[in-house]
Amino acid sequence: MNLITGSTLALILLSTPALAAGTHGGGHHDEMDAGKPGKASAVSRTVEISMSETDDGQMLFEPASLQIAEGETIRFKIQNAGELEHEFVLDSHGKNMEHKAIMAKFPEMEHDDPNSIRLIEGTSGEIIWTFSKAGTFEFACLIPGHYESGMKGDVTVASK
């Protein structure tokens, strides 16, 4: 009886952090600080983003800043041109810092959020995003150590 109870408890304890970290409370599939998931039929333009690192350890996005109009729907074509795994997470600076703290505790967690994509070296993917609010937002790689090495960028969304 104790073995079953202990095993069951171990499974619950081992799975709970991954579920909590992976879903982030489930709110990422609705309106977020930086906007909301977009529809392919509403895309007004495509922005190509490259993720890489330099020989001296700097990690970067190119371009490192974007100008968007409020209400614009962007197709982000994201390429990992580096030699390490990277991710692209689009949100407010505050929400990215919350997410970064979770990533520090669970660096291998998997994401199921429409505002982010994690790519191994040499691969690409896309995110379609509608910027429904004016303001300043951020895209970042929140894999431990990457943000500190410069892997972040600004998004300025101008009001209509």
Protein backbone atom coordinates (compact mmCIF):
# COMPACT_ATOMS: atom_id res chain seq x y z
CA MET A 1 0.00 0.00 0.00
CA ASN A 2 2.75 2.46 0.90
CA LEU A 3 4.64 1.63 -2.29
CA ILE A 4 1.60 2.40 -4.43
CA THR A 5 0.91 5.58 -2.50
CA GLY A 6 4.58 6.60 -2.72
CA SER A 7 4.72 5.84 -6.44
CA THR A 8 1.53 7.74 -7.07
CA LEU A 9 2.80 10.69 -5.06
CA ALA A 10 6.11 10.63 -6.94
CA LEU A 11 4.28 10.70 -10.29
CA ILE A 12 2.16 13.63 -9.18
CA LEU A 13 5.15 15.58 -7.87
CA LEU A 14 7.23 14.87 -10.96
CA SER A 15 4.49 15.79 -13.42
CA THR A 16 3.04 18.85 -11.68
CA PRO A 17 5.91 21.32 -12.32
CA ALA A 18 6.09 20.37 -16.01
CA LEU A 19 2.37 20.86 -16.43
CA ALA A 20 2.35 24.15 -14.59
CA ALA A 21 5.41 25.42 -16.40
CA GLY A 22 4.23 24.19 -19.80
CA THR A 23 0.82 25.81 -19.72
CA HIS A 24 1.64 29.02 -17.85
CA GLY A 25 -1.88 29.05 -16.43
CA GLY A 26 -3.50 28.49 -19.81
CA GLY A 27 -3.91 32.22 -20.54
CA HIS A 28 -1.55 32.39 -23.52
CA HIS A 29 -4.16 31.28 -26.01
CA ASP A 30 -6.25 34.43 -25.55
CA GLU A 31 -5.45 38.14 -25.62
CA MET A 32 -2.02 38.85 -24.13
CA ASP A 33 -0.10 42.04 -23.37
CA ALA A 34 1.46 42.07 -26.86
CA GLY A 35 -1.72 41.10 -28.72
CA LYS A 36 -3.18 37.78 -29.77
CA PRO A 37 -2.65 34.87 -32.14
CA GLY A 38 -3.35 35.95 -35.70
CA LYS A 39 -5.04 34.29 -38.64
CA ALA A 40 -3.14 33.50 -41.83
CA SER A 41 -5.89 35.15 -43.88
CA ALA A 42 -5.26 38.47 -42.06
CA VAL A 43 -1.46 38.63 -42.52
CA SER A 44 -0.45 42.06 -43.79
CA ARG A 45 3.27 41.34 -44.07
CA THR A 46 6.00 38.83 -43.32
CA VAL A 47 8.97 39.61 -41.08
CA GLU A 48 12.00 37.32 -41.23
CA ILE A 49 13.89 36.84 -37.96
CA SER A 50 17.27 35.12 -37.69
CA MET A 51 18.55 33.68 -34.41
CA SER A 52 22.28 33.04 -33.98
CA GLU A 53 25.34 33.42 -31.81
CA THR A 54 28.79 34.90 -32.44
CA ASP A 55 32.21 33.38 -31.80
CA ASP A 56 32.64 35.64 -28.75
CA GLY A 57 29.45 34.30 -27.09
CA GLN A 58 26.99 37.04 -28.00
CA MET A 59 23.53 35.75 -28.92
CA LEU A 60 21.30 37.78 -31.15
CA PHE A 61 18.21 38.27 -33.20
CA GLU A 62 18.37 39.99 -36.57
CA PRO A 63 16.69 42.37 -36.84
CA ALA A 64 16.89 43.42 -33.18
CA SER A 65 13.99 45.89 -33.32
CA LEU A 66 10.69 46.11 -35.17
CA GLN A 67 8.17 48.83 -35.95
CA ILE A 68 4.58 47.57 -36.21
CA ALA A 69 1.24 49.35 -36.61
CA GLU A 70 -1.55 48.70 -34.12
CA GLY A 71 -3.93 46.13 -35.60
CA GLU A 72 -1.30 44.71 -37.97
CA THR A 73 -1.04 40.93 -38.34
CA ILE A 74 2.51 39.72 -38.90
CA ARG A 75 3.79 36.37 -40.11
CA PHE A 76 7.12 35.87 -38.34
CA LYS A 77 9.36 33.50 -40.30
CA ILE A 78 11.96 32.50 -37.74
CA GLN A 79 15.22 30.78 -38.68
CA ASN A 80 17.71 29.35 -36.21
CA ALA A 81 20.94 30.06 -38.11
CA GLY A 82 23.06 29.36 -35.04
CA GLU A 83 24.75 26.29 -33.65
CA LEU A 84 22.64 26.14 -30.46
CA GLU A 85 18.96 25.70 -29.69
CA HIS A 86 17.12 29.05 -29.41
CA GLU A 87 13.59 30.28 -28.90
CA PHE A 88 11.52 33.30 -29.86
CA VAL A 89 9.05 34.48 -27.22
CA LEU A 90 6.94 37.56 -27.92
CA ASP A 91 5.39 39.34 -24.93
CA SER A 92 5.74 42.34 -22.66
CA HIS A 93 9.09 42.73 -20.87
CA GLY A 94 7.41 41.93 -17.54
CA LYS A 95 5.79 38.72 -18.79
CA ASN A 96 9.06 37.66 -20.42
CA MET A 97 10.85 38.14 -17.10
CA GLU A 98 8.22 35.95 -15.36
CA HIS A 99 8.66 33.31 -18.07
CA LYS A 100 12.46 33.61 -17.79
CA ALA A 101 12.28 32.84 -14.06
CA ILE A 102 10.25 29.69 -14.79
CA MET A 103 12.72 28.68 -17.52
CA ALA A 104 15.57 28.99 -15.00
CA LYS A 105 13.86 26.33 -12.88
CA PHE A 106 12.71 24.14 -15.81
CA PRO A 107 15.11 24.77 -18.74
CA GLU A 108 13.89 21.81 -20.80
CA MET A 109 10.18 22.58 -20.50
CA GLU A 110 8.14 22.37 -23.67
CA HIS A 111 5.96 25.24 -24.81
CA ASP A 112 2.48 25.17 -26.22
CA ASP A 113 2.04 28.91 -26.52
CA PRO A 114 1.10 30.70 -29.74
CA ASN A 115 3.52 33.57 -28.96
CA SER A 116 6.63 31.37 -28.86
CA ILE A 117 8.63 28.85 -30.80
CA ARG A 118 11.71 26.83 -29.83
CA LEU A 119 14.00 25.70 -32.64
CA ILE A 120 17.03 23.46 -32.78
CA GLU A 121 19.94 24.63 -34.89
CA GLY A 122 19.34 24.76 -38.64
CA THR A 123 15.53 24.69 -38.42
CA SER A 124 12.81 27.26 -38.97
CA GLY A 125 9.21 27.92 -38.04
CA GLU A 126 6.62 30.64 -37.93
CA ILE A 127 4.26 32.53 -35.68
CA ILE A 128 1.31 34.57 -36.88
CA TRP A 129 0.54 37.41 -34.49
CA THR A 130 -1.95 40.29 -34.37
CA PHE A 131 -0.71 43.37 -32.53
CA SER A 132 -4.03 44.56 -31.13
CA LYS A 133 -2.55 47.07 -28.67
CA ALA A 134 -0.14 49.97 -29.05
CA GLY A 135 2.96 49.96 -26.85
CA THR A 136 6.47 48.63 -26.48
CA PHE A 137 6.94 44.88 -26.34
CA GLU A 138 9.81 42.44 -26.49
CA PHE A 139 10.90 39.27 -28.22
CA ALA A 140 13.48 37.19 -26.42
CA CYS A 141 15.20 33.85 -26.07
CA LEU A 142 14.53 32.72 -22.52
CA ILE A 143 16.73 29.63 -22.52
CA PRO A 144 18.98 30.12 -19.48
CA GLY A 145 21.92 32.41 -20.29
CA HIS A 146 20.71 33.48 -23.74
CA TYR A 147 18.84 36.65 -22.70
CA GLU A 148 21.87 37.75 -20.65
CA SER A 149 24.04 37.20 -23.74
CA GLY A 150 22.00 39.75 -25.68
CA MET A 151 19.24 37.64 -27.21
CA LYS A 152 16.35 40.09 -27.04
CA GLY A 153 14.71 42.69 -29.23
CA ASP A 154 12.16 45.50 -29.08
CA VAL A 155 8.82 45.77 -30.82
CA THR A 156 7.26 49.22 -30.99
CA VAL A 157 3.57 49.14 -31.91
CA ALA A 158 2.37 52.57 -33.02
CA SER A 159 -1.25 53.50 -32.33
CA LYS A 160 -3.57 54.04 -35.29
